[in-house]
Amino acid sequence: MTVSRPGHQPNCTMCHGLIPLISDWDIEGNRVCRLCFARGGPPPVMPPQTDFEPKTDLVNHPPHYGGADDPYEAIKVIEAWGLGFNLGNVLKYIRRSGAKGAPLSDLSKAQFYLNREIGRRKS
């Protein structure tokens, strides 16, 4: 389909974009836009994206905490055992250690929350 508007020629024969009047460039006999001329051809064709939902549920059941099908998913264990904030975070960071980045960082976070809970109970 050829689309025209004032000040423009018909579509680029390669990418089908509008060609400004000042461009008389051509590749193998085709009138082309500046981008196709600079690239030496049309832009790559990207497949249409049909699935806009992530493959895993990163909000409700992230895989680094066990996932929805895991009976030992961190949140399920924390709630079942009634661990509270500090001990819940200890379990969470131990559970995900190595699954989401640097394992030592996660273990240090677990240690931080464990030390907070120990300090809370001592006072």
PDB file of N, CA and C in Angstrom:
ATOM      1  N   MET A   1       0.840  -1.163   0.000  1.00  0.00           N
ATOM      2  CA  MET A   1       0.000   0.000   0.000  1.00  0.00           C
ATOM      3  C   MET A   1       0.893   1.237   0.000  1.00  0.00           C
ATOM      4  N   THR A   2       0.600   2.172  -0.872  1.00  0.00           N
ATOM      5  CA  THR A   2       1.365   3.401  -0.968  1.00  0.00           C
ATOM      6  C   THR A   2       0.642   4.495  -0.204  1.00  0.00           C
ATOM      7  N   VAL A   3       1.363   5.130   0.694  1.00  0.00           N
ATOM      8  CA  VAL A   3       0.811   6.220   1.489  1.00  0.00           C
ATOM      9  C   VAL A   3       1.568   7.479   1.133  1.00  0.00           C
ATOM     10  N   SER A   4       0.869   8.563   0.884  1.00  0.00           N
ATOM     11  CA  SER A   4       1.515   9.833   0.575  1.00  0.00           C
ATOM     12  C   SER A   4       0.964  10.904   1.484  1.00  0.00           C
ATOM     13  N   ARG A   5       1.783  11.910   1.739  1.00  0.00           N
ATOM     14  CA  ARG A   5       1.339  13.093   2.444  1.00  0.00           C
ATOM     15  C   ARG A   5       2.123  14.266   1.869  1.00  0.00           C
ATOM     16  N   PRO A   6       1.648  15.493   2.032  1.00  0.00           N
ATOM     17  CA  PRO A   6       2.338  16.640   1.437  1.00  0.00           C
ATOM     18  C   PRO A   6       3.815  16.665   1.824  1.00  0.00           C
ATOM     19  N   GLY A   7       4.671  16.890   0.827  1.00  0.00           N
ATOM     20  CA  GLY A   7       6.101  16.977   1.078  1.00  0.00           C
ATOM     21  C   GLY A   7       6.809  15.644   1.097  1.00  0.00           C
ATOM     22  N   HIS A   8       6.120  14.549   0.844  1.00  0.00           N
ATOM     23  CA  HIS A   8       6.720  13.217   0.872  1.00  0.00           C
ATOM     24  C   HIS A   8       6.384  12.446  -0.390  1.00  0.00           C
ATOM     25  N   GLN A   9       7.275  11.578  -0.724  1.00  0.00           N
ATOM     26  CA  GLN A   9       7.072  10.660  -1.833  1.00  0.00           C
ATOM     27  C   GLN A   9       6.400   9.399  -1.305  1.00  0.00           C
ATOM     28  N   PRO A  10       6.089   8.444  -2.151  1.00  0.00           N
ATOM     29  CA  PRO A  10       5.526   7.170  -1.695  1.00  0.00           C
ATOM     30  C   PRO A  10       6.476   6.444  -0.745  1.00  0.00           C
ATOM     31  N   ASN A  11       6.004   5.365  -0.186  1.00  0.00           N
ATOM     32  CA  ASN A  11       6.747   4.591   0.816  1.00  0.00           C
ATOM     33  C   ASN A  11       8.079   4.081   0.284  1.00  0.00           C
ATOM     34  N   CYS A  12       8.988   3.875   1.226  1.00  0.00           N
ATOM     35  CA  CYS A  12      10.260   3.218   0.930  1.00  0.00           C
ATOM     36  C   CYS A  12       9.928   1.818   0.420  1.00  0.00           C
ATOM     37  N   THR A  13      10.600   1.385  -0.625  1.00  0.00           N
ATOM     38  CA  THR A  13      10.302   0.063  -1.182  1.00  0.00           C
ATOM     39  C   THR A  13      10.878  -1.070  -0.345  1.00  0.00           C
ATOM     40  N   MET A  14      11.708  -0.730   0.654  1.00  0.00           N
ATOM     41  CA  MET A  14      12.289  -1.780   1.491  1.00  0.00           C
ATOM     42  C   MET A  14      11.596  -1.904   2.840  1.00  0.00           C
ATOM     43  N   CYS A  15      11.433  -0.774   3.570  1.00  0.00           N
ATOM     44  CA  CYS A  15      10.812  -0.852   4.894  1.00  0.00           C
ATOM     45  C   CYS A  15       9.390  -0.299   4.887  1.00  0.00           C
ATOM     46  N   HIS A  16       8.969   0.255   3.769  1.00  0.00           N
ATOM     47  CA  HIS A  16       7.631   0.823   3.574  1.00  0.00           C
ATOM     48  C   HIS A  16       7.384   2.078   4.393  1.00  0.00           C
ATOM     49  N   GLY A  17       8.453   2.735   4.869  1.00  0.00           N
ATOM     50  CA  GLY A  17       8.336   4.029   5.536  1.00  0.00           C
ATOM     51  C   GLY A  17       8.243   5.132   4.496  1.00  0.00           C
ATOM     52  N   LEU A  18       7.782   6.313   4.907  1.00  0.00           N
ATOM     53  CA  LEU A  18       7.667   7.434   3.975  1.00  0.00           C
ATOM     54  C   LEU A  18       9.043   7.996   3.659  1.00  0.00           C
ATOM     55  N   ILE A  19       9.258   8.345   2.391  1.00  0.00           N
ATOM     56  CA  ILE A  19      10.543   8.881   1.941  1.00  0.00           C
ATOM     57  C   ILE A  19      10.436  10.398   1.833  1.00  0.00           C
ATOM     58  N   PRO A  20      11.275  11.177   2.534  1.00  0.00           N
ATOM     59  CA  PRO A  20      11.270  12.623   2.327  1.00  0.00           C
ATOM     60  C   PRO A  20      11.663  12.948   0.889  1.00  0.00           C
ATOM     61  N   LEU A  21      11.136  14.058   0.340  1.00  0.00           N
ATOM     62  CA  LEU A  21      11.407  14.445  -1.044  1.00  0.00           C
ATOM     63  C   LEU A  21      12.886  14.599  -1.339  1.00  0.00           C
ATOM     64  N   ILE A  22      13.678  15.034  -0.361  1.00  0.00           N
ATOM     65  CA  ILE A  22      15.085  15.294  -0.621  1.00  0.00           C
ATOM     66  C   ILE A  22      15.896  14.022  -0.836  1.00  0.00           C
ATOM     67  N   SER A  23      15.335  12.848  -0.569  1.00  0.00           N
ATOM     68  CA  SER A  23      16.122  11.623  -0.730  1.00  0.00           C
ATOM     69  C   SER A  23      15.850  11.000  -2.093  1.00  0.00           C
ATOM     70  N   ASP A  24      16.890  10.886  -2.863  1.00  0.00           N
ATOM     71  CA  ASP A  24      16.795  10.216  -4.162  1.00  0.00           C
ATOM     72  C   ASP A  24      17.697   8.992  -4.156  1.00  0.00           C
ATOM     73  N   TRP A  25      17.995   8.475  -2.963  1.00  0.00           N
ATOM     74  CA  TRP A  25      18.888   7.333  -2.859  1.00  0.00           C
ATOM     75  C   TRP A  25      18.203   6.094  -3.384  1.00  0.00           C
ATOM     76  N   ASP A  26      19.030   5.204  -3.778  1.00  0.00           N
ATOM     77  CA  ASP A  26      18.456   3.995  -4.301  1.00  0.00           C
ATOM     78  C   ASP A  26      19.406   2.831  -4.116  1.00  0.00           C
ATOM     79  N   ILE A  27      18.852   1.683  -3.816  1.00  0.00           N
ATOM     80  CA  ILE A  27      19.617   0.440  -3.686  1.00  0.00           C
ATOM     81  C   ILE A  27      19.004  -0.528  -4.685  1.00  0.00           C
ATOM     82  N   GLU A  28      19.826  -0.965  -5.633  1.00  0.00           N
ATOM     83  CA  GLU A  28      19.381  -1.921  -6.665  1.00  0.00           C
ATOM     84  C   GLU A  28      18.087  -1.463  -7.345  1.00  0.00           C
ATOM     85  N   GLY A  29      18.023  -0.165  -7.681  1.00  0.00           N
ATOM     86  CA  GLY A  29      16.871   0.347  -8.423  1.00  0.00           C
ATOM     87  C   GLY A  29      15.656   0.670  -7.584  1.00  0.00           C
ATOM     88  N   ASN A  30      15.734   0.575  -6.276  1.00  0.00           N
ATOM     89  CA  ASN A  30      14.600   0.868  -5.404  1.00  0.00           C
ATOM     90  C   ASN A  30      14.797   2.207  -4.702  1.00  0.00           C
ATOM     91  N   ARG A  31      13.714   2.988  -4.607  1.00  0.00           N
ATOM     92  CA  ARG A  31      13.764   4.211  -3.804  1.00  0.00           C
ATOM     93  C   ARG A  31      13.710   3.789  -2.346  1.00  0.00           C
ATOM     94  N   VAL A  32      14.685   4.265  -1.578  1.00  0.00           N
ATOM     95  CA  VAL A  32      14.746   3.852  -0.178  1.00  0.00           C
ATOM     96  C   VAL A  32      14.880   5.063   0.734  1.00  0.00           C
ATOM     97  N   CYS A  33      14.472   4.890   1.988  1.00  0.00           N
ATOM     98  CA  CYS A  33      14.603   5.957   2.976  1.00  0.00           C
ATOM     99  C   CYS A  33      16.047   6.026   3.465  1.00  0.00           C
ATOM    100  N   ARG A  34      16.346   7.068   4.240  1.00  0.00           N
ATOM    101  CA  ARG A  34      17.716   7.259   4.748  1.00  0.00           C
ATOM    102  C   ARG A  34      18.180   6.082   5.601  1.00  0.00           C
ATOM    103  N   LEU A  35      17.276   5.550   6.435  1.00  0.00           N
ATOM    104  CA  LEU A  35      17.670   4.443   7.313  1.00  0.00           C
ATOM    105  C   LEU A  35      18.040   3.196   6.517  1.00  0.00           C
ATOM    106  N   CYS A  36      17.208   2.842   5.548  1.00  0.00           N
ATOM    107  CA  CYS A  36      17.517   1.651   4.747  1.00  0.00           C
ATOM    108  C   CYS A  36      18.774   1.860   3.925  1.00  0.00           C
ATOM    109  N   PHE A  37      18.994   3.100   3.430  1.00  0.00           N
ATOM    110  CA  PHE A  37      20.203   3.392   2.675  1.00  0.00           C
ATOM    111  C   PHE A  37      21.432   3.241   3.572  1.00  0.00           C
ATOM    112  N   ALA A  38      21.361   3.772   4.805  1.00  0.00           N
ATOM    113  CA  ALA A  38      22.491   3.688   5.735  1.00  0.00           C
ATOM    114  C   ALA A  38      22.769   2.246   6.145  1.00  0.00           C
ATOM    115  N   ARG A  39      21.709   1.461   6.310  1.00  0.00           N
ATOM    116  CA  ARG A  39      21.869   0.059   6.703  1.00  0.00           C
ATOM    117  C   ARG A  39      22.269  -0.825   5.528  1.00  0.00           C
ATOM    118  N   GLY A  40      21.994  -0.366   4.315  1.00  0.00           N
ATOM    119  CA  GLY A  40      22.241  -1.191   3.138  1.00  0.00           C
ATOM    120  C   GLY A  40      21.106  -2.165   2.883  1.00  0.00           C
ATOM    121  N   GLY A  41      19.981  -1.947   3.536  1.00  0.00           N
ATOM    122  CA  GLY A  41      18.833  -2.822   3.349  1.00  0.00           C
ATOM    123  C   GLY A  41      17.765  -2.522   4.380  1.00  0.00           C
ATOM    124  N   PRO A  42      16.657  -3.231   4.306  1.00  0.00           N
ATOM    125  CA  PRO A  42      15.559  -2.962   5.229  1.00  0.00           C
ATOM    126  C   PRO A  42      15.895  -3.414   6.650  1.00  0.00           C
ATOM    127  N   PRO A  43      15.172  -2.886   7.635  1.00  0.00           N
ATOM    128  CA  PRO A  43      15.399  -3.324   9.016  1.00  0.00           C
ATOM    129  C   PRO A  43      14.983  -4.776   9.181  1.00  0.00           C
ATOM    130  N   PRO A  44      15.542  -5.469  10.174  1.00  0.00           N
ATOM    131  CA  PRO A  44      15.140  -6.862  10.381  1.00  0.00           C
ATOM    132  C   PRO A  44      13.673  -6.936  10.803  1.00  0.00           C
ATOM    133  N   VAL A  45      13.029  -7.989  10.380  1.00  0.00           N
ATOM    134  CA  VAL A  45      11.631  -8.191  10.729  1.00  0.00           C
ATOM    135  C   VAL A  45      11.580  -8.917  12.065  1.00  0.00           C
ATOM    136  N   MET A  46      10.916  -8.301  13.032  1.00  0.00           N
ATOM    137  CA  MET A  46      10.791  -8.898  14.350  1.00  0.00           C
ATOM    138  C   MET A  46       9.494  -9.695  14.408  1.00  0.00           C
ATOM    139  N   PRO A  47       9.525 -10.900  14.977  1.00  0.00           N
ATOM    140  CA  PRO A  47       8.280 -11.660  15.090  1.00  0.00           C
ATOM    141  C   PRO A  47       7.325 -10.951  16.043  1.00  0.00           C
ATOM    142  N   PRO A  48       6.035 -11.017  15.783  1.00  0.00           N
ATOM    143  CA  PRO A  48       5.087 -10.348  16.672  1.00  0.00           C
ATOM    144  C   PRO A  48       5.090 -11.008  18.047  1.00  0.00           C
ATOM    145  N   GLN A  49       4.986 -10.172  19.073  1.00  0.00           N
ATOM    146  CA  GLN A  49       4.942 -10.689  20.439  1.00  0.00           C
ATOM    147  C   GLN A  49       3.487 -10.971  20.777  1.00  0.00           C
ATOM    148  N   THR A  50       3.196 -12.229  21.042  1.00  0.00           N
ATOM    149  CA  THR A  50       1.818 -12.604  21.324  1.00  0.00           C
ATOM    150  C   THR A  50       1.594 -12.899  22.801  1.00  0.00           C
ATOM    151  N   ASP A  51       2.647 -13.274  23.507  1.00  0.00           N
ATOM    152  CA  ASP A  51       2.507 -13.628  24.917  1.00  0.00           C
ATOM    153  C   ASP A  51       3.077 -12.501  25.767  1.00  0.00           C
ATOM    154  N   PHE A  52       2.211 -11.704  26.379  1.00  0.00           N
ATOM    155  CA  PHE A  52       2.663 -10.587  27.181  1.00  0.00           C
ATOM    156  C   PHE A  52       2.799 -10.950  28.652  1.00  0.00           C
ATOM    157  N   GLU A  53       2.417 -12.131  29.047  1.00  0.00           N
ATOM    158  CA  GLU A  53       2.530 -12.573  30.430  1.00  0.00           C
ATOM    159  C   GLU A  53       3.870 -13.282  30.627  1.00  0.00           C
ATOM    160  N   PRO A  54       4.548 -13.034  31.751  1.00  0.00           N
ATOM    161  CA  PRO A  54       5.788 -13.765  31.998  1.00  0.00           C
ATOM    162  C   PRO A  54       5.501 -15.253  32.173  1.00  0.00           C
ATOM    163  N   LYS A  55       6.498 -16.056  31.842  1.00  0.00           N
ATOM    164  CA  LYS A  55       6.346 -17.508  31.939  1.00  0.00           C
ATOM    165  C   LYS A  55       6.214 -17.965  33.390  1.00  0.00           C
ATOM    166  N   THR A  56       6.819 -17.236  34.312  1.00  0.00           N
ATOM    167  CA  THR A  56       6.702 -17.570  35.722  1.00  0.00           C
ATOM    168  C   THR A  56       6.102 -16.377  36.452  1.00  0.00           C
ATOM    169  N   ASP A  57       5.460 -16.634  37.547  1.00  0.00           N
ATOM    170  CA  ASP A  57       4.838 -15.580  38.337  1.00  0.00           C
ATOM    171  C   ASP A  57       5.889 -14.994  39.272  1.00  0.00           C
ATOM    172  N   LEU A  58       6.486 -13.883  38.850  1.00  0.00           N
ATOM    173  CA  LEU A  58       7.568 -13.286  39.611  1.00  0.00           C
ATOM    174  C   LEU A  58       7.080 -12.484  40.813  1.00  0.00           C
ATOM    175  N   VAL A  59       5.778 -12.267  40.929  1.00  0.00           N
ATOM    176  CA  VAL A  59       5.245 -11.498  42.046  1.00  0.00           C
ATOM    177  C   VAL A  59       4.740 -12.425  43.146  1.00  0.00           C
ATOM    178  N   ASN A  60       3.864 -13.345  42.811  1.00  0.00           N
ATOM    179  CA  ASN A  60       3.230 -14.189  43.819  1.00  0.00           C
ATOM    180  C   ASN A  60       4.032 -15.436  44.184  1.00  0.00           C
ATOM    181  N   HIS A  61       4.706 -16.018  43.227  1.00  0.00           N
ATOM    182  CA  HIS A  61       5.446 -17.265  43.477  1.00  0.00           C
ATOM    183  C   HIS A  61       6.767 -17.263  42.705  1.00  0.00           C
ATOM    184  N   PRO A  62       7.718 -16.389  43.063  1.00  0.00           N
ATOM    185  CA  PRO A  62       8.979 -16.351  42.321  1.00  0.00           C
ATOM    186  C   PRO A  62       9.746 -17.661  42.460  1.00  0.00           C
ATOM    187  N   PRO A  63      10.384 -18.096  41.380  1.00  0.00           N
ATOM    188  CA  PRO A  63      11.100 -19.375  41.424  1.00  0.00           C
ATOM    189  C   PRO A  63      12.251 -19.390  42.427  1.00  0.00           C
ATOM    190  N   HIS A  64      12.888 -18.236  42.725  1.00  0.00           N
ATOM    191  CA  HIS A  64      14.007 -18.228  43.672  1.00  0.00           C
ATOM    192  C   HIS A  64      13.539 -18.406  45.117  1.00  0.00           C
ATOM    193  N   TYR A  65      12.224 -18.407  45.351  1.00  0.00           N
ATOM    194  CA  TYR A  65      11.695 -18.721  46.689  1.00  0.00           C
ATOM    195  C   TYR A  65      10.984 -20.071  46.694  1.00  0.00           C
ATOM    196  N   GLY A  66      11.031 -20.796  45.591  1.00  0.00           N
ATOM    197  CA  GLY A  66      10.449 -22.137  45.545  1.00  0.00           C
ATOM    198  C   GLY A  66       9.400 -22.319  44.477  1.00  0.00           C
ATOM    199  N   GLY A  67       8.631 -21.304  44.159  1.00  0.00           N
ATOM    200  CA  GLY A  67       7.587 -21.422  43.142  1.00  0.00           C
ATOM    201  C   GLY A  67       6.292 -21.977  43.711  1.00  0.00           C
ATOM    202  N   ALA A  68       5.213 -21.815  42.950  1.00  0.00           N
ATOM    203  CA  ALA A  68       3.865 -22.169  43.408  1.00  0.00           C
ATOM    204  C   ALA A  68       3.707 -23.658  43.706  1.00  0.00           C
ATOM    205  N   ASP A  69       4.390 -24.503  42.966  1.00  0.00           N
ATOM    206  CA  ASP A  69       4.213 -25.953  43.130  1.00  0.00           C
ATOM    207  C   ASP A  69       5.053 -26.554  44.255  1.00  0.00           C
ATOM    208  N   ASP A  70       5.946 -25.769  44.827  1.00  0.00           N
ATOM    209  CA  ASP A  70       6.834 -26.271  45.881  1.00  0.00           C
ATOM    210  C   ASP A  70       6.139 -26.164  47.241  1.00  0.00           C
ATOM    211  N   PRO A  71       5.902 -27.294  47.932  1.00  0.00           N
ATOM    212  CA  PRO A  71       5.257 -27.213  49.244  1.00  0.00           C
ATOM    213  C   PRO A  71       6.134 -26.500  50.273  1.00  0.00           C
ATOM    214  N   TYR A  72       7.421 -26.366  49.989  1.00  0.00           N
ATOM    215  CA  TYR A  72       8.344 -25.687  50.894  1.00  0.00           C
ATOM    216  C   TYR A  72       8.710 -24.288  50.391  1.00  0.00           C
ATOM    217  N   GLU A  73       7.836 -23.692  49.566  1.00  0.00           N
ATOM    218  CA  GLU A  73       8.044 -22.313  49.131  1.00  0.00           C
ATOM    219  C   GLU A  73       8.189 -21.452  50.386  1.00  0.00           C
ATOM    220  N   ALA A  74       9.119 -20.512  50.357  1.00  0.00           N
ATOM    221  CA  ALA A  74       9.472 -19.737  51.547  1.00  0.00           C
ATOM    222  C   ALA A  74       8.259 -19.153  52.266  1.00  0.00           C
ATOM    223  N   ILE A  75       7.369 -18.513  51.557  1.00  0.00           N
ATOM    224  CA  ILE A  75       6.233 -17.865  52.223  1.00  0.00           C
ATOM    225  C   ILE A  75       5.305 -18.880  52.879  1.00  0.00           C
ATOM    226  N   LYS A  76       5.162 -20.058  52.281  1.00  0.00           N
ATOM    227  CA  LYS A  76       4.303 -21.092  52.868  1.00  0.00           C
ATOM    228  C   LYS A  76       4.874 -21.575  54.196  1.00  0.00           C
ATOM    229  N   VAL A  77       6.183 -21.772  54.245  1.00  0.00           N
ATOM    230  CA  VAL A  77       6.830 -22.244  55.472  1.00  0.00           C
ATOM    231  C   VAL A  77       6.800 -21.146  56.539  1.00  0.00           C
ATOM    232  N   ILE A  78       7.088 -19.898  56.135  1.00  0.00           N
ATOM    233  CA  ILE A  78       7.079 -18.773  57.083  1.00  0.00           C
ATOM    234  C   ILE A  78       5.702 -18.637  57.737  1.00  0.00           C
ATOM    235  N   GLU A  79       4.651 -18.712  56.919  1.00  0.00           N
ATOM    236  CA  GLU A  79       3.295 -18.588  57.464  1.00  0.00           C
ATOM    237  C   GLU A  79       2.906 -19.800  58.307  1.00  0.00           C
ATOM    238  N   ALA A  80       3.262 -21.002  57.853  1.00  0.00           N
ATOM    239  CA  ALA A  80       2.903 -22.222  58.587  1.00  0.00           C
ATOM    240  C   ALA A  80       3.588 -22.272  59.943  1.00  0.00           C
ATOM    241  N   TRP A  81       4.818 -21.805  60.014  1.00  0.00           N
ATOM    242  CA  TRP A  81       5.565 -21.846  61.263  1.00  0.00           C
ATOM    243  C   TRP A  81       5.387 -20.573  62.095  1.00  0.00           C
ATOM    244  N   GLY A  82       4.695 -19.563  61.553  1.00  0.00           N
ATOM    245  CA  GLY A  82       4.479 -18.310  62.273  1.00  0.00           C
ATOM    246  C   GLY A  82       5.770 -17.629  62.670  1.00  0.00           C
ATOM    247  N   LEU A  83       6.699 -17.496  61.728  1.00  0.00           N
ATOM    248  CA  LEU A  83       8.041 -17.024  62.058  1.00  0.00           C
ATOM    249  C   LEU A  83       8.160 -15.530  62.331  1.00  0.00           C
ATOM    250  N   GLY A  84       7.307 -14.712  61.835  1.00  0.00           N
ATOM    251  CA  GLY A  84       7.464 -13.270  62.024  1.00  0.00           C
ATOM    252  C   GLY A  84       8.498 -12.694  61.078  1.00  0.00           C
ATOM    253  N   PHE A  85       8.745 -11.381  61.236  1.00  0.00           N
ATOM    254  CA  PHE A  85       9.577 -10.661  60.263  1.00  0.00           C
ATOM    255  C   PHE A  85      11.026 -11.128  60.224  1.00  0.00           C
ATOM    256  N   ASN A  86      11.724 -11.057  61.360  1.00  0.00           N
ATOM    257  CA  ASN A  86      13.162 -11.361  61.356  1.00  0.00           C
ATOM    258  C   ASN A  86      13.441 -12.807  60.963  1.00  0.00           C
ATOM    259  N   LEU A  87      12.797 -13.757  61.632  1.00  0.00           N
ATOM    260  CA  LEU A  87      13.060 -15.165  61.324  1.00  0.00           C
ATOM    261  C   LEU A  87      12.509 -15.540  59.951  1.00  0.00           C
ATOM    262  N   GLY A  88      11.437 -14.890  59.531  1.00  0.00           N
ATOM    263  CA  GLY A  88      10.924 -15.111  58.174  1.00  0.00           C
ATOM    264  C   GLY A  88      11.946 -14.703  57.126  1.00  0.00           C
ATOM    265  N   ASN A  89      12.613 -13.580  57.368  1.00  0.00           N
ATOM    266  CA  ASN A  89      13.661 -13.141  56.437  1.00  0.00           C
ATOM    267  C   ASN A  89      14.868 -14.067  56.473  1.00  0.00           C
ATOM    268  N   VAL A  90      15.200 -14.598  57.645  1.00  0.00           N
ATOM    269  CA  VAL A  90      16.299 -15.574  57.730  1.00  0.00           C
ATOM    270  C   VAL A  90      15.991 -16.751  56.807  1.00  0.00           C
ATOM    271  N   LEU A  91      14.792 -17.309  56.956  1.00  0.00           N
ATOM    272  CA  LEU A  91      14.413 -18.456  56.129  1.00  0.00           C
ATOM    273  C   LEU A  91      14.390 -18.084  54.645  1.00  0.00           C
ATOM    274  N   LYS A  92      13.822 -16.918  54.345  1.00  0.00           N
ATOM    275  CA  LYS A  92      13.718 -16.467  52.949  1.00  0.00           C
ATOM    276  C   LYS A  92      15.093 -16.362  52.305  1.00  0.00           C
ATOM    277  N   TYR A  93      16.054 -15.727  52.979  1.00  0.00           N
ATOM    278  CA  TYR A  93      17.376 -15.535  52.377  1.00  0.00           C
ATOM    279  C   TYR A  93      18.171 -16.831  52.310  1.00  0.00           C
ATOM    280  N   ILE A  94      17.971 -17.737  53.272  1.00  0.00           N
ATOM    281  CA  ILE A  94      18.626 -19.041  53.168  1.00  0.00           C
ATOM    282  C   ILE A  94      18.029 -19.820  52.005  1.00  0.00           C
ATOM    283  N   ARG A  95      16.701 -19.762  51.850  1.00  0.00           N
ATOM    284  CA  ARG A  95      16.013 -20.499  50.773  1.00  0.00           C
ATOM    285  C   ARG A  95      16.479 -20.044  49.402  1.00  0.00           C
ATOM    286  N   ARG A  96      16.664 -18.739  49.215  1.00  0.00           N
ATOM    287  CA  ARG A  96      17.018 -18.242  47.884  1.00  0.00           C
ATOM    288  C   ARG A  96      18.518 -18.153  47.650  1.00  0.00           C
ATOM    289  N   SER A  97      19.330 -18.482  48.656  1.00  0.00           N
ATOM    290  CA  SER A  97      20.785 -18.382  48.529  1.00  0.00           C
ATOM    291  C   SER A  97      21.274 -19.128  47.287  1.00  0.00           C
ATOM    292  N   GLY A  98      21.948 -18.399  46.424  1.00  0.00           N
ATOM    293  CA  GLY A  98      22.487 -18.986  45.200  1.00  0.00           C
ATOM    294  C   GLY A  98      21.513 -19.026  44.045  1.00  0.00           C
ATOM    295  N   ALA A  99      20.233 -18.807  44.298  1.00  0.00           N
ATOM    296  CA  ALA A  99      19.243 -18.869  43.214  1.00  0.00           C
ATOM    297  C   ALA A  99      18.989 -17.502  42.593  1.00  0.00           C
ATOM    298  N   LYS A 100      19.430 -16.450  43.243  1.00  0.00           N
ATOM    299  CA  LYS A 100      19.169 -15.095  42.743  1.00  0.00           C
ATOM    300  C   LYS A 100      20.390 -14.227  42.973  1.00  0.00           C
ATOM    301  N   GLY A 101      21.474 -14.571  42.355  1.00  0.00           N
ATOM    302  CA  GLY A 101      22.676 -13.753  42.495  1.00  0.00           C
ATOM    303  C   GLY A 101      23.710 -14.383  43.400  1.00  0.00           C
ATOM    304  N   ALA A 102      24.403 -13.542  44.146  1.00  0.00           N
ATOM    305  CA  ALA A 102      25.536 -13.980  44.968  1.00  0.00           C
ATOM    306  C   ALA A 102      25.051 -14.678  46.241  1.00  0.00           C
ATOM    307  N   PRO A 103      25.415 -15.958  46.429  1.00  0.00           N
ATOM    308  CA  PRO A 103      24.963 -16.691  47.605  1.00  0.00           C
ATOM    309  C   PRO A 103      25.481 -16.100  48.918  1.00  0.00           C
ATOM    310  N   LEU A 104      26.706 -15.585  48.946  1.00  0.00           N
ATOM    311  CA  LEU A 104      27.240 -15.013  50.180  1.00  0.00           C
ATOM    312  C   LEU A 104      26.467 -13.771  50.605  1.00  0.00           C
ATOM    313  N   SER A 105      25.990 -13.005  49.652  1.00  0.00           N
ATOM    314  CA  SER A 105      25.181 -11.832  49.969  1.00  0.00           C
ATOM    315  C   SER A 105      23.883 -12.256  50.649  1.00  0.00           C
ATOM    316  N   ASP A 106      23.231 -13.289  50.113  1.00  0.00           N
ATOM    317  CA  ASP A 106      21.992 -13.776  50.720  1.00  0.00           C
ATOM    318  C   ASP A 106      22.241 -14.340  52.114  1.00  0.00           C
ATOM    319  N   LEU A 107      23.333 -15.065  52.289  1.00  0.00           N
ATOM    320  CA  LEU A 107      23.642 -15.622  53.610  1.00  0.00           C
ATOM    321  C   LEU A 107      23.983 -14.515  54.607  1.00  0.00           C
ATOM    322  N   SER A 108      24.626 -13.458  54.133  1.00  0.00           N
ATOM    323  CA  SER A 108      24.911 -12.319  55.016  1.00  0.00           C
ATOM    324  C   SER A 108      23.626 -11.626  55.439  1.00  0.00           C
ATOM    325  N   LYS A 109      22.672 -11.516  54.526  1.00  0.00           N
ATOM    326  CA  LYS A 109      21.375 -10.931  54.874  1.00  0.00           C
ATOM    327  C   LYS A 109      20.655 -11.809  55.891  1.00  0.00           C
ATOM    328  N   ALA A 110      20.721 -13.121  55.705  1.00  0.00           N
ATOM    329  CA  ALA A 110      20.111 -14.043  56.672  1.00  0.00           C
ATOM    330  C   ALA A 110      20.756 -13.865  58.045  1.00  0.00           C
ATOM    331  N   GLN A 111      22.070 -13.742  58.067  1.00  0.00           N
ATOM    332  CA  GLN A 111      22.794 -13.550  59.320  1.00  0.00           C
ATOM    333  C   GLN A 111      22.400 -12.231  59.981  1.00  0.00           C
ATOM    334  N   PHE A 112      22.237 -11.178  59.196  1.00  0.00           N
ATOM    335  CA  PHE A 112      21.821  -9.879  59.718  1.00  0.00           C
ATOM    336  C   PHE A 112      20.485  -9.994  60.455  1.00  0.00           C
ATOM    337  N   TYR A 113      19.506 -10.645  59.810  1.00  0.00           N
ATOM    338  CA  TYR A 113      18.189 -10.782  60.439  1.00  0.00           C
ATOM    339  C   TYR A 113      18.223 -11.728  61.644  1.00  0.00           C
ATOM    340  N   LEU A 114      19.060 -12.757  61.591  1.00  0.00           N
ATOM    341  CA  LEU A 114      19.197 -13.651  62.735  1.00  0.00           C
ATOM    342  C   LEU A 114      19.799 -12.898  63.924  1.00  0.00           C
ATOM    343  N   ASN A 115      20.829 -12.104  63.674  1.00  0.00           N
ATOM    344  CA  ASN A 115      21.433 -11.299  64.741  1.00  0.00           C
ATOM    345  C   ASN A 115      20.437 -10.301  65.323  1.00  0.00           C
ATOM    346  N   ARG A 116      19.596  -9.706  64.493  1.00  0.00           N
ATOM    347  CA  ARG A 116      18.560  -8.783  64.980  1.00  0.00           C
ATOM    348  C   ARG A 116      17.576  -9.509  65.899  1.00  0.00           C
ATOM    349  N   GLU A 117      17.189 -10.715  65.498  1.00  0.00           N
ATOM    350  CA  GLU A 117      16.243 -11.481  66.318  1.00  0.00           C
ATOM    351  C   GLU A 117      16.879 -11.904  67.629  1.00  0.00           C
ATOM    352  N   ILE A 118      18.147 -12.301  67.590  1.00  0.00           N
ATOM    353  CA  ILE A 118      18.844 -12.671  68.827  1.00  0.00           C
ATOM    354  C   ILE A 118      18.940 -11.439  69.748  1.00  0.00           C
ATOM    355  N   GLY A 119      19.297 -10.287  69.186  1.00  0.00           N
ATOM    356  CA  GLY A 119      19.361  -9.062  69.968  1.00  0.00           C
ATOM    357  C   GLY A 119      18.013  -8.664  70.558  1.00  0.00           C
ATOM    358  N   ARG A 120      16.963  -8.842  69.798  1.00  0.00           N
ATOM    359  CA  ARG A 120      15.606  -8.532  70.277  1.00  0.00           C
ATOM    360  C   ARG A 120      15.235  -9.421  71.459  1.00  0.00           C
ATOM    361  N   ARG A 121      15.570 -10.706  71.367  1.00  0.00           N
ATOM    362  CA  ARG A 121      15.211 -11.645  72.424  1.00  0.00           C
ATOM    363  C   ARG A 121      16.078 -11.462  73.665  1.00  0.00           C
ATOM    364  N   LYS A 122      17.294 -10.981  73.520  1.00  0.00           N
ATOM    365  CA  LYS A 122      18.172 -10.748  74.677  1.00  0.00           C
ATOM    366  C   LYS A 122      17.728  -9.536  75.478  1.00  0.00           C
ATOM    367  N   SER A 123      17.125  -8.559  74.835  1.00  0.00           N
ATOM    368  CA  SER A 123      16.773  -7.334  75.547  1.00  0.00           C
ATOM    369  C   SER A 123      15.422  -7.391  76.218  1.00  0.00           C
TER     370      SER A 123
END
